[in-house]
Protein backbone atom coordinates (compact mmCIF):
# COMPACT_ATOMS: atom_id res chain seq x y z
CA UNK A 1 -1.57 15.63 -42.13
CA UNK A 2 -0.87 17.89 -39.83
CA UNK A 3 -1.51 17.25 -35.81
CA UNK A 4 -1.52 19.41 -33.62
CA UNK A 5 -1.87 19.30 -29.78
CA UNK A 6 -5.49 18.79 -28.70
CA UNK A 7 -5.01 21.51 -25.97
CA UNK A 8 -3.32 25.15 -26.14
CA UNK A 9 0.18 24.38 -24.11
CA UNK A 10 1.34 26.92 -22.11
CA UNK A 11 3.47 27.56 -19.14
CA UNK A 12 2.25 25.60 -16.06
CA UNK A 13 2.40 27.61 -12.91
CA UNK A 14 2.09 24.55 -11.05
CA UNK A 15 4.83 23.00 -13.02
CA UNK A 16 7.58 23.74 -9.86
CA UNK A 17 5.35 22.21 -7.37
CA UNK A 18 4.38 18.93 -9.03
CA UNK A 19 8.26 18.45 -10.25
CA UNK A 20 9.24 18.94 -6.35
CA UNK A 21 6.40 17.02 -5.35
CA UNK A 22 6.72 13.89 -8.13
CA UNK A 23 10.89 13.83 -6.87
CA UNK A 24 9.42 13.29 -3.23
CA UNK A 25 6.97 10.99 -4.01
CA UNK A 26 9.77 9.06 -6.36
CA UNK A 27 12.65 9.11 -3.33
CA UNK A 28 10.07 7.64 -1.32
CA UNK A 29 8.78 4.90 -3.33
CA UNK A 30 12.28 3.84 -4.40
CA UNK A 31 13.25 3.37 -0.88
CA UNK A 32 9.96 1.55 -0.08
CA UNK A 33 11.35 -1.07 -3.27
CA UNK A 34 14.86 -0.77 -1.95
CA UNK A 35 13.80 -2.23 1.33
CA UNK A 36 11.89 -5.45 -0.83
CA UNK A 37 15.09 -5.80 -3.14
CA UNK A 38 17.41 -5.73 0.09
CA UNK A 39 15.12 -8.00 2.05
CA UNK A 40 15.73 -10.91 -0.94
CA UNK A 41 19.49 -10.02 -1.16
CA UNK A 42 20.65 -9.47 2.63
CA UNK A 43 17.84 -12.69 3.99
CA UNK A 44 15.86 -14.47 0.90
CA UNK A 45 14.59 -16.91 3.43
CA UNK A 46 12.37 -14.46 5.20
CA UNK A 47 10.62 -13.74 1.88
CA UNK A 48 9.27 -17.55 2.47
CA UNK A 49 7.61 -16.47 5.85
CA UNK A 50 4.01 -16.81 6.08
CA UNK A 51 2.68 -13.18 6.94
CA UNK A 52 -0.66 -12.92 6.04
CA UNK A 53 -3.97 -15.30 5.07
CA UNK A 54 -1.31 -17.99 3.97
CA UNK A 55 0.80 -15.96 1.78
CA UNK A 56 4.13 -15.45 2.41
CA UNK A 57 6.60 -12.25 2.92
CA UNK A 58 7.22 -11.98 -0.95
CA UNK A 59 3.75 -12.15 -2.56
CA UNK A 60 2.31 -9.73 -0.15
CA UNK A 61 5.05 -7.26 -0.33
CA UNK A 62 4.63 -7.70 -4.15
CA UNK A 63 0.82 -6.66 -3.62
CA UNK A 64 1.93 -3.63 -1.48
CA UNK A 65 4.21 -2.18 -4.00
CA UNK A 66 1.59 -2.33 -6.68
CA UNK A 67 -0.85 -1.13 -4.16
CA UNK A 68 1.23 1.53 -2.99
CA UNK A 69 2.31 2.61 -6.65
CA UNK A 70 -1.62 2.99 -7.69
CA UNK A 71 -2.10 4.95 -4.30
CA UNK A 72 0.77 7.32 -5.03
CA UNK A 73 -0.78 8.23 -8.18
CA UNK A 74 -4.23 8.79 -6.98
CA UNK A 75 -2.60 11.33 -4.30
CA UNK A 76 -0.07 12.61 -6.95
CA UNK A 77 -3.05 13.84 -9.50
CA UNK A 78 -5.26 14.98 -6.17
CA UNK A 79 -2.42 17.16 -4.88
CA UNK A 80 -1.96 18.52 -8.48
CA UNK A 81 -5.39 19.00 -9.45
CA UNK A 82 -5.55 21.38 -6.13
CA UNK A 83 -2.55 23.14 -6.98
CA UNK A 84 -3.78 23.95 -10.36
CA UNK A 85 -6.82 25.30 -9.16
CA UNK A 86 -5.76 27.49 -6.80
CA UNK A 87 -3.53 29.13 -9.57
CA UNK A 88 -6.28 29.49 -11.87
CA UNK A 89 -8.48 30.88 -8.82
CA UNK A 90 -5.79 33.50 -8.39
CA UNK A 91 -5.40 34.36 -11.86
CA UNK A 92 -9.22 34.90 -11.93
CA UNK A 93 -9.33 37.04 -9.39
CA UNK A 94 -6.36 39.24 -10.36
CA UNK A 95 -8.03 42.25 -11.95
CA UNK A 96 -7.49 42.11 -15.73
CA UNK A 97 -4.76 44.80 -17.11
CA UNK A 98 -4.89 45.86 -20.90
CA UNK A 99 -5.88 48.42 -23.22
CA UNK A 100 -9.49 48.68 -23.81
């Protein structure tokens, strides 16, 4: 049985934009996560401090890591869709050249 892609794959004109955006978002999130690790390594007792609604910093920061990752994914998706739509509009606006 031959399995082929569900949609035709071709060159993605928004690819470089997506890659740059993904790298910047990865760097941001990595720094955010690295600060969590650094606090745990350098001052573990700080993580026991109650900071919000009876929850300690470790719990709040852990939930923040999850929430920030989800928000970053939604932002990435929205920005990539916008860029793809720009390229699709530009492609449609270009006059068709070819043999009739």
